[in-house]
């Protein structure tokens, strides 16, 4: 009889413990979801304030950076509306944060205070930042890059990994990384641009060969843990939007852009 009572007590304790653990786990998930939603909303609202209040001048690079910031604001809003998981809210937050990098780049190009530092995006520290101007020619076409905005380099990239390769933060003559991020669209030309711009000792015919000190220093800075800064480029969050950051598998938003 005592044995039966003991077994019953143990069963009750096990069941009660399982119920408690299930409820506690559910509460933890709910808190994590609420925290992720609040964090994403915070970055989204901050980006919205910047996009609405910052007026572009006549500089093409500034206009382009603010256009990119606006695109990220719209994309983040769409992702927030559809998010149902912690990872999806995190992706929306990353999209809004990326938009703030665009704003920061625009403010810097306008000689305004760029504002408070932003958290680093994935891949930025590894990629580093450009510290000198660079020019390469591929198939008769000239491509430029440098640490400062100019009429020749109106497209900002915040630094990150594109197709597994580090692309430093800086201003570029064309947003060629967007093609590299489209599935199946990274052709030979794009891969050769990677090599011409960023690979040590690259000197194939048709290129302005080499890997100058500015790029080498920027890449070394990234390897040492330096922050790539910056704000264009876009995030590659499961194909949700064009750009250059790999956020991994944050879930399916049903094709939102």
C-alpha atoms as a PDB file:
ATOM      1  CA  UNK A   1       0.000   0.000   0.000  1.00  0.00           C
ATOM      2  CA  UNK A   2       2.789   2.390   0.937  1.00  0.00           C
ATOM      3  CA  UNK A   3       4.541   1.570  -2.317  1.00  0.00           C
ATOM      4  CA  UNK A   4       1.404   2.384  -4.300  1.00  0.00           C
ATOM      5  CA  UNK A   5       0.998   5.706  -2.479  1.00  0.00           C
ATOM      6  CA  UNK A   6       4.649   6.545  -3.143  1.00  0.00           C
ATOM      7  CA  UNK A   7       4.243   5.769  -6.846  1.00  0.00           C
ATOM      8  CA  UNK A   8       1.128   7.944  -7.027  1.00  0.00           C
ATOM      9  CA  UNK A   9       2.950  10.825  -5.316  1.00  0.00           C
ATOM     10  CA  UNK A  10       5.889  10.512  -7.705  1.00  0.00           C
ATOM     11  CA  UNK A  11       3.576  10.488 -10.725  1.00  0.00           C
ATOM     12  CA  UNK A  12       1.779  13.592  -9.448  1.00  0.00           C
ATOM     13  CA  UNK A  13       5.109  15.341  -8.879  1.00  0.00           C
ATOM     14  CA  UNK A  14       6.350  14.443 -12.357  1.00  0.00           C
ATOM     15  CA  UNK A  15       3.118  15.648 -13.975  1.00  0.00           C
ATOM     16  CA  UNK A  16       3.150  18.856 -11.930  1.00  0.00           C
ATOM     17  CA  UNK A  17       6.793  19.446 -12.840  1.00  0.00           C
ATOM     18  CA  UNK A  18       6.076  18.905 -16.529  1.00  0.00           C
ATOM     19  CA  UNK A  19       3.150  21.335 -16.404  1.00  0.00           C
ATOM     20  CA  UNK A  20       5.283  23.936 -14.607  1.00  0.00           C
ATOM     21  CA  UNK A  21       8.129  23.526 -17.099  1.00  0.00           C
ATOM     22  CA  UNK A  22       5.759  23.844 -20.046  1.00  0.00           C
ATOM     23  CA  UNK A  23       4.234  27.034 -18.663  1.00  0.00           C
ATOM     24  CA  UNK A  24       7.628  28.507 -17.782  1.00  0.00           C
ATOM     25  CA  UNK A  25       8.961  27.697 -21.241  1.00  0.00           C
ATOM     26  CA  UNK A  26       5.940  29.287 -22.872  1.00  0.00           C
ATOM     27  CA  UNK A  27       6.368  32.411 -20.756  1.00  0.00           C
ATOM     28  CA  UNK A  28      10.054  32.651 -21.684  1.00  0.00           C
ATOM     29  CA  UNK A  29       9.172  32.399 -25.370  1.00  0.00           C
ATOM     30  CA  UNK A  30       6.497  35.050 -24.977  1.00  0.00           C
ATOM     31  CA  UNK A  31       8.960  37.392 -23.233  1.00  0.00           C
ATOM     32  CA  UNK A  32      11.587  36.790 -25.931  1.00  0.00           C
ATOM     33  CA  UNK A  33       9.007  37.502 -28.622  1.00  0.00           C
ATOM     34  CA  UNK A  34       7.875  40.680 -26.888  1.00  0.00           C
ATOM     35  CA  UNK A  35      11.485  41.843 -26.454  1.00  0.00           C
ATOM     36  CA  UNK A  36      12.283  41.162 -30.119  1.00  0.00           C
ATOM     37  CA  UNK A  37       9.134  43.010 -31.212  1.00  0.00           C
ATOM     38  CA  UNK A  38       9.953  46.007 -29.007  1.00  0.00           C
ATOM     39  CA  UNK A  39      13.559  46.124 -30.200  1.00  0.00           C
ATOM     40  CA  UNK A  40      12.541  45.989 -33.862  1.00  0.00           C
ATOM     41  CA  UNK A  41       9.886  48.636 -33.302  1.00  0.00           C
ATOM     42  CA  UNK A  42      12.436  50.898 -31.626  1.00  0.00           C
ATOM     43  CA  UNK A  43      14.832  50.778 -34.609  1.00  0.00           C
ATOM     44  CA  UNK A  44      11.930  51.131 -37.032  1.00  0.00           C
ATOM     45  CA  UNK A  45      10.588  54.257 -35.331  1.00  0.00           C
ATOM     46  CA  UNK A  46      14.058  55.775 -35.075  1.00  0.00           C
ATOM     47  CA  UNK A  47      14.602  55.195 -38.792  1.00  0.00           C
ATOM     48  CA  UNK A  48      11.212  56.672 -39.595  1.00  0.00           C
ATOM     49  CA  UNK A  49      12.051  59.858 -37.730  1.00  0.00           C
ATOM     50  CA  UNK A  50      15.288  60.235 -39.679  1.00  0.00           C
ATOM     51  CA  UNK A  51      13.729  59.472 -43.068  1.00  0.00           C
ATOM     52  CA  UNK A  52      10.887  61.942 -42.511  1.00  0.00           C
ATOM     53  CA  UNK A  53      12.993  64.787 -41.123  1.00  0.00           C
ATOM     54  CA  UNK A  54      16.273  64.674 -43.041  1.00  0.00           C
ATOM     55  CA  UNK A  55      16.117  66.697 -46.267  1.00  0.00           C
ATOM     56  CA  UNK A  56      18.577  65.778 -49.006  1.00  0.00           C
ATOM     57  CA  UNK A  57      20.667  68.373 -50.780  1.00  0.00           C
ATOM     58  CA  UNK A  58      21.509  68.234 -54.484  1.00  0.00           C
ATOM     59  CA  UNK A  59      24.300  65.715 -53.991  1.00  0.00           C
ATOM     60  CA  UNK A  60      23.575  62.471 -55.874  1.00  0.00           C
ATOM     61  CA  UNK A  61      25.223  60.323 -53.214  1.00  0.00           C
ATOM     62  CA  UNK A  62      23.116  61.857 -50.446  1.00  0.00           C
ATOM     63  CA  UNK A  63      19.923  61.390 -52.428  1.00  0.00           C
ATOM     64  CA  UNK A  64      20.793  57.772 -53.171  1.00  0.00           C
ATOM     65  CA  UNK A  65      21.605  57.011 -49.534  1.00  0.00           C
ATOM     66  CA  UNK A  66      18.279  58.475 -48.409  1.00  0.00           C
ATOM     67  CA  UNK A  67      16.414  56.553 -51.109  1.00  0.00           C
ATOM     68  CA  UNK A  68      18.029  53.380 -49.811  1.00  0.00           C
ATOM     69  CA  UNK A  69      17.123  54.347 -46.256  1.00  0.00           C
ATOM     70  CA  UNK A  70      13.502  54.854 -47.308  1.00  0.00           C
ATOM     71  CA  UNK A  71      13.435  51.463 -48.998  1.00  0.00           C
ATOM     72  CA  UNK A  72      14.664  49.819 -45.806  1.00  0.00           C
ATOM     73  CA  UNK A  73      12.043  51.696 -43.798  1.00  0.00           C
ATOM     74  CA  UNK A  74       9.277  50.354 -46.034  1.00  0.00           C
ATOM     75  CA  UNK A  75      10.729  46.845 -45.970  1.00  0.00           C
ATOM     76  CA  UNK A  76      11.050  46.875 -42.177  1.00  0.00           C
ATOM     77  CA  UNK A  77       7.447  48.036 -41.829  1.00  0.00           C
ATOM     78  CA  UNK A  78       6.224  45.204 -44.028  1.00  0.00           C
ATOM     79  CA  UNK A  79       8.286  42.673 -42.104  1.00  0.00           C
ATOM     80  CA  UNK A  80       6.995  43.959 -38.772  1.00  0.00           C
ATOM     81  CA  UNK A  81       3.408  43.622 -39.975  1.00  0.00           C
ATOM     82  CA  UNK A  82       3.950  39.992 -40.953  1.00  0.00           C
ATOM     83  CA  UNK A  83       6.322  38.866 -38.199  1.00  0.00           C
ATOM     84  CA  UNK A  84       5.085  36.108 -35.913  1.00  0.00           C
ATOM     85  CA  UNK A  85       8.353  34.711 -34.540  1.00  0.00           C
ATOM     86  CA  UNK A  86      11.354  36.045 -32.653  1.00  0.00           C
ATOM     87  CA  UNK A  87      13.634  35.535 -35.641  1.00  0.00           C
ATOM     88  CA  UNK A  88      11.283  37.382 -37.946  1.00  0.00           C
ATOM     89  CA  UNK A  89      11.145  40.354 -35.585  1.00  0.00           C
ATOM     90  CA  UNK A  90      14.940  40.246 -35.390  1.00  0.00           C
ATOM     91  CA  UNK A  91      15.136  40.410 -39.177  1.00  0.00           C
ATOM     92  CA  UNK A  92      12.800  43.413 -39.224  1.00  0.00           C
ATOM     93  CA  UNK A  93      15.023  45.088 -36.643  1.00  0.00           C
ATOM     94  CA  UNK A  94      18.112  44.369 -38.735  1.00  0.00           C
ATOM     95  CA  UNK A  95      16.420  45.875 -41.788  1.00  0.00           C
ATOM     96  CA  UNK A  96      15.598  49.066 -39.882  1.00  0.00           C
ATOM     97  CA  UNK A  97      19.104  49.198 -38.417  1.00  0.00           C
ATOM     98  CA  UNK A  98      20.546  48.893 -41.889  1.00  0.00           C
ATOM     99  CA  UNK A  99      18.403  51.828 -42.954  1.00  0.00           C
ATOM    100  CA  UNK A 100      19.973  53.873 -40.169  1.00  0.00           C
ATOM    101  CA  UNK A 101      23.381  53.109 -41.656  1.00  0.00           C
ATOM    102  CA  UNK A 102      22.163  54.652 -44.901  1.00  0.00           C
ATOM    103  CA  UNK A 103      21.022  57.718 -42.964  1.00  0.00           C
ATOM    104  CA  UNK A 104      24.356  57.899 -41.175  1.00  0.00           C
ATOM    105  CA  UNK A 105      26.160  57.770 -44.529  1.00  0.00           C
ATOM    106  CA  UNK A 106      23.935  60.541 -45.915  1.00  0.00           C
ATOM    107  CA  UNK A 107      24.516  62.758 -42.885  1.00  0.00           C
ATOM    108  CA  UNK A 108      28.264  62.249 -43.137  1.00  0.00           C
ATOM    109  CA  UNK A 109      28.196  63.160 -46.836  1.00  0.00           C
ATOM    110  CA  UNK A 110      26.295  66.337 -45.915  1.00  0.00           C
ATOM    111  CA  UNK A 111      28.929  67.257 -43.297  1.00  0.00           C
ATOM    112  CA  UNK A 112      26.344  66.840 -40.542  1.00  0.00           C
ATOM    113  CA  UNK A 113      26.806  65.125 -37.209  1.00  0.00           C
ATOM    114  CA  UNK A 114      26.290  61.439 -38.083  1.00  0.00           C
ATOM    115  CA  UNK A 115      24.632  60.853 -34.721  1.00  0.00           C
ATOM    116  CA  UNK A 116      25.274  58.170 -32.122  1.00  0.00           C
ATOM    117  CA  UNK A 117      27.185  55.029 -33.018  1.00  0.00           C
ATOM    118  CA  UNK A 118      25.123  52.089 -34.251  1.00  0.00           C
ATOM    119  CA  UNK A 119      25.546  48.422 -33.323  1.00  0.00           C
ATOM    120  CA  UNK A 120      27.649  46.542 -35.888  1.00  0.00           C
ATOM    121  CA  UNK A 121      25.839  44.592 -38.554  1.00  0.00           C
ATOM    122  CA  UNK A 122      26.789  40.988 -39.359  1.00  0.00           C
ATOM    123  CA  UNK A 123      30.012  40.753 -41.338  1.00  0.00           C
ATOM    124  CA  UNK A 124      31.052  44.398 -40.945  1.00  0.00           C
ATOM    125  CA  UNK A 125      34.002  43.786 -38.661  1.00  0.00           C
ATOM    126  CA  UNK A 126      35.327  41.065 -40.931  1.00  0.00           C
ATOM    127  CA  UNK A 127      34.957  43.213 -44.057  1.00  0.00           C
ATOM    128  CA  UNK A 128      36.516  46.364 -42.625  1.00  0.00           C
ATOM    129  CA  UNK A 129      36.337  49.679 -44.478  1.00  0.00           C
ATOM    130  CA  UNK A 130      37.975  51.364 -47.445  1.00  0.00           C
ATOM    131  CA  UNK A 131      40.781  53.770 -46.555  1.00  0.00           C
ATOM    132  CA  UNK A 132      41.850  54.829 -50.076  1.00  0.00           C
ATOM    133  CA  UNK A 133      40.360  55.258 -53.529  1.00  0.00           C
ATOM    134  CA  UNK A 134      40.431  52.310 -55.904  1.00  0.00           C
ATOM    135  CA  UNK A 135      39.844  51.896 -59.637  1.00  0.00           C
ATOM    136  CA  UNK A 136      39.553  48.733 -61.713  1.00  0.00           C
ATOM    137  CA  UNK A 137      38.579  48.087 -65.314  1.00  0.00           C
ATOM    138  CA  UNK A 138      36.685  45.011 -66.389  1.00  0.00           C
ATOM    139  CA  UNK A 139      35.699  44.307 -69.994  1.00  0.00           C
ATOM    140  CA  UNK A 140      36.313  47.920 -70.894  1.00  0.00           C
ATOM    141  CA  UNK A 141      34.173  49.298 -68.065  1.00  0.00           C
ATOM    142  CA  UNK A 142      35.625  51.277 -65.189  1.00  0.00           C
ATOM    143  CA  UNK A 143      34.592  50.722 -61.598  1.00  0.00           C
ATOM    144  CA  UNK A 144      35.519  53.007 -58.720  1.00  0.00           C
ATOM    145  CA  UNK A 145      35.409  52.833 -54.949  1.00  0.00           C
ATOM    146  CA  UNK A 146      36.597  54.986 -52.072  1.00  0.00           C
ATOM    147  CA  UNK A 147      36.069  56.006 -48.458  1.00  0.00           C
ATOM    148  CA  UNK A 148      34.268  59.258 -49.351  1.00  0.00           C
ATOM    149  CA  UNK A 149      31.119  60.028 -51.310  1.00  0.00           C
ATOM    150  CA  UNK A 150      31.628  61.639 -54.714  1.00  0.00           C
ATOM    151  CA  UNK A 151      29.850  62.091 -58.021  1.00  0.00           C
ATOM    152  CA  UNK A 152      31.773  59.060 -59.278  1.00  0.00           C
ATOM    153  CA  UNK A 153      30.908  56.903 -56.245  1.00  0.00           C
ATOM    154  CA  UNK A 154      27.305  57.620 -55.196  1.00  0.00           C
ATOM    155  CA  UNK A 155      26.426  54.160 -53.830  1.00  0.00           C
ATOM    156  CA  UNK A 156      27.210  53.337 -50.222  1.00  0.00           C
ATOM    157  CA  UNK A 157      27.824  49.858 -48.898  1.00  0.00           C
ATOM    158  CA  UNK A 158      28.142  49.397 -45.125  1.00  0.00           C
ATOM    159  CA  UNK A 159      30.509  46.449 -45.260  1.00  0.00           C
ATOM    160  CA  UNK A 160      29.620  42.787 -45.028  1.00  0.00           C
ATOM    161  CA  UNK A 161      29.885  39.374 -46.581  1.00  0.00           C
ATOM    162  CA  UNK A 162      28.641  38.917 -50.146  1.00  0.00           C
ATOM    163  CA  UNK A 163      28.651  35.377 -51.495  1.00  0.00           C
ATOM    164  CA  UNK A 164      30.998  34.450 -48.677  1.00  0.00           C
ATOM    165  CA  UNK A 165      33.488  37.210 -49.536  1.00  0.00           C
ATOM    166  CA  UNK A 166      34.174  40.333 -47.442  1.00  0.00           C
ATOM    167  CA  UNK A 167      33.265  43.631 -49.122  1.00  0.00           C
ATOM    168  CA  UNK A 168      34.569  46.671 -47.195  1.00  0.00           C
ATOM    169  CA  UNK A 169      32.359  49.590 -46.245  1.00  0.00           C
ATOM    170  CA  UNK A 170      32.667  52.504 -48.600  1.00  0.00           C
ATOM    171  CA  UNK A 171      31.266  54.349 -51.590  1.00  0.00           C
ATOM    172  CA  UNK A 172      31.102  52.621 -54.985  1.00  0.00           C
ATOM    173  CA  UNK A 173      30.413  53.685 -58.548  1.00  0.00           C
ATOM    174  CA  UNK A 174      27.758  50.994 -58.930  1.00  0.00           C
ATOM    175  CA  UNK A 175      25.814  48.733 -56.543  1.00  0.00           C
ATOM    176  CA  UNK A 176      27.301  45.647 -58.201  1.00  0.00           C
ATOM    177  CA  UNK A 177      26.860  43.570 -55.028  1.00  0.00           C
ATOM    178  CA  UNK A 178      23.099  43.501 -55.630  1.00  0.00           C
ATOM    179  CA  UNK A 179      23.593  41.304 -58.672  1.00  0.00           C
ATOM    180  CA  UNK A 180      25.823  39.016 -56.644  1.00  0.00           C
ATOM    181  CA  UNK A 181      23.052  38.530 -54.092  1.00  0.00           C
ATOM    182  CA  UNK A 182      20.397  37.480 -56.581  1.00  0.00           C
ATOM    183  CA  UNK A 183      20.260  33.687 -56.679  1.00  0.00           C
ATOM    184  CA  UNK A 184      22.016  32.438 -59.791  1.00  0.00           C
ATOM    185  CA  UNK A 185      22.931  35.935 -60.959  1.00  0.00           C
ATOM    186  CA  UNK A 186      26.499  36.075 -59.670  1.00  0.00           C
ATOM    187  CA  UNK A 187      28.161  35.654 -63.035  1.00  0.00           C
ATOM    188  CA  UNK A 188      31.818  35.532 -63.953  1.00  0.00           C
ATOM    189  CA  UNK A 189      31.978  39.319 -64.238  1.00  0.00           C
ATOM    190  CA  UNK A 190      30.834  39.856 -60.665  1.00  0.00           C
ATOM    191  CA  UNK A 191      33.282  37.290 -59.337  1.00  0.00           C
ATOM    192  CA  UNK A 192      36.100  38.937 -61.276  1.00  0.00           C
ATOM    193  CA  UNK A 193      35.139  42.267 -59.721  1.00  0.00           C
ATOM    194  CA  UNK A 194      35.491  40.680 -56.291  1.00  0.00           C
ATOM    195  CA  UNK A 195      38.967  39.539 -57.202  1.00  0.00           C
ATOM    196  CA  UNK A 196      40.006  42.787 -58.847  1.00  0.00           C
ATOM    197  CA  UNK A 197      38.828  44.946 -55.976  1.00  0.00           C
ATOM    198  CA  UNK A 198      39.709  42.879 -52.953  1.00  0.00           C
ATOM    199  CA  UNK A 199      42.066  39.965 -53.640  1.00  0.00           C
ATOM    200  CA  UNK A 200      45.781  40.394 -52.851  1.00  0.00           C
ATOM    201  CA  UNK A 201      48.064  40.409 -55.862  1.00  0.00           C
ATOM    202  CA  UNK A 202      45.303  40.252 -58.460  1.00  0.00           C
ATOM    203  CA  UNK A 203      46.753  41.358 -61.782  1.00  0.00           C
ATOM    204  CA  UNK A 204      44.914  39.632 -64.632  1.00  0.00           C
ATOM    205  CA  UNK A 205      44.602  41.243 -68.034  1.00  0.00           C
ATOM    206  CA  UNK A 206      41.893  43.902 -68.288  1.00  0.00           C
ATOM    207  CA  UNK A 207      42.200  44.856 -64.616  1.00  0.00           C
ATOM    208  CA  UNK A 208      43.888  47.616 -62.770  1.00  0.00           C
ATOM    209  CA  UNK A 209      45.669  44.816 -60.938  1.00  0.00           C
ATOM    210  CA  UNK A 210      46.837  44.646 -57.392  1.00  0.00           C
ATOM    211  CA  UNK A 211      45.499  45.175 -53.928  1.00  0.00           C
ATOM    212  CA  UNK A 212      46.471  48.644 -52.825  1.00  0.00           C
ATOM    213  CA  UNK A 213      47.342  49.658 -49.296  1.00  0.00           C
ATOM    214  CA  UNK A 214      44.007  51.331 -48.721  1.00  0.00           C
ATOM    215  CA  UNK A 215      42.107  48.110 -49.295  1.00  0.00           C
ATOM    216  CA  UNK A 216      44.694  46.028 -47.507  1.00  0.00           C
ATOM    217  CA  UNK A 217      44.582  48.292 -44.465  1.00  0.00           C
ATOM    218  CA  UNK A 218      40.804  48.298 -44.457  1.00  0.00           C
ATOM    219  CA  UNK A 219      40.636  44.532 -44.687  1.00  0.00           C
ATOM    220  CA  UNK A 220      43.294  44.143 -42.001  1.00  0.00           C
ATOM    221  CA  UNK A 221      41.333  46.516 -39.810  1.00  0.00           C
ATOM    222  CA  UNK A 222      38.306  44.300 -40.246  1.00  0.00           C
ATOM    223  CA  UNK A 223      40.292  41.173 -39.408  1.00  0.00           C
ATOM    224  CA  UNK A 224      41.537  42.886 -36.243  1.00  0.00           C
ATOM    225  CA  UNK A 225      37.965  43.592 -35.174  1.00  0.00           C
ATOM    226  CA  UNK A 226      37.544  47.132 -36.525  1.00  0.00           C
ATOM    227  CA  UNK A 227      34.026  48.348 -37.225  1.00  0.00           C
ATOM    228  CA  UNK A 228      33.171  48.692 -40.860  1.00  0.00           C
ATOM    229  CA  UNK A 229      30.810  51.624 -40.182  1.00  0.00           C
ATOM    230  CA  UNK A 230      28.560  52.719 -42.983  1.00  0.00           C
ATOM    231  CA  UNK A 231      25.052  52.409 -44.269  1.00  0.00           C
ATOM    232  CA  UNK A 232      24.121  51.169 -47.730  1.00  0.00           C
ATOM    233  CA  UNK A 233      24.063  47.792 -49.206  1.00  0.00           C
ATOM    234  CA  UNK A 234      21.026  46.009 -47.976  1.00  0.00           C
ATOM    235  CA  UNK A 235      20.666  42.819 -46.078  1.00  0.00           C
ATOM    236  CA  UNK A 236      20.431  39.372 -47.441  1.00  0.00           C
ATOM    237  CA  UNK A 237      17.895  37.986 -45.020  1.00  0.00           C
ATOM    238  CA  UNK A 238      16.605  34.966 -46.877  1.00  0.00           C
ATOM    239  CA  UNK A 239      16.075  37.018 -50.047  1.00  0.00           C
ATOM    240  CA  UNK A 240      13.779  39.540 -48.399  1.00  0.00           C
ATOM    241  CA  UNK A 241      15.595  42.549 -49.810  1.00  0.00           C
ATOM    242  CA  UNK A 242      18.603  43.418 -51.917  1.00  0.00           C
ATOM    243  CA  UNK A 243      21.856  44.278 -50.196  1.00  0.00           C
ATOM    244  CA  UNK A 244      24.735  42.497 -48.645  1.00  0.00           C
ATOM    245  CA  UNK A 245      24.210  41.157 -45.155  1.00  0.00           C
ATOM    246  CA  UNK A 246      23.686  37.530 -44.398  1.00  0.00           C
ATOM    247  CA  UNK A 247      21.310  37.243 -41.448  1.00  0.00           C
ATOM    248  CA  UNK A 248      20.773  33.539 -41.869  1.00  0.00           C
ATOM    249  CA  UNK A 249      17.413  31.851 -41.739  1.00  0.00           C
ATOM    250  CA  UNK A 250      15.007  34.269 -40.067  1.00  0.00           C
ATOM    251  CA  UNK A 251      11.881  32.655 -41.395  1.00  0.00           C
ATOM    252  CA  UNK A 252       9.483  33.223 -44.218  1.00  0.00           C
ATOM    253  CA  UNK A 253       7.681  36.544 -44.551  1.00  0.00           C
ATOM    254  CA  UNK A 254       5.745  35.378 -47.546  1.00  0.00           C
ATOM    255  CA  UNK A 255       7.961  37.168 -50.075  1.00  0.00           C
ATOM    256  CA  UNK A 256       7.844  40.648 -48.583  1.00  0.00           C
ATOM    257  CA  UNK A 257      10.470  43.048 -49.900  1.00  0.00           C
END
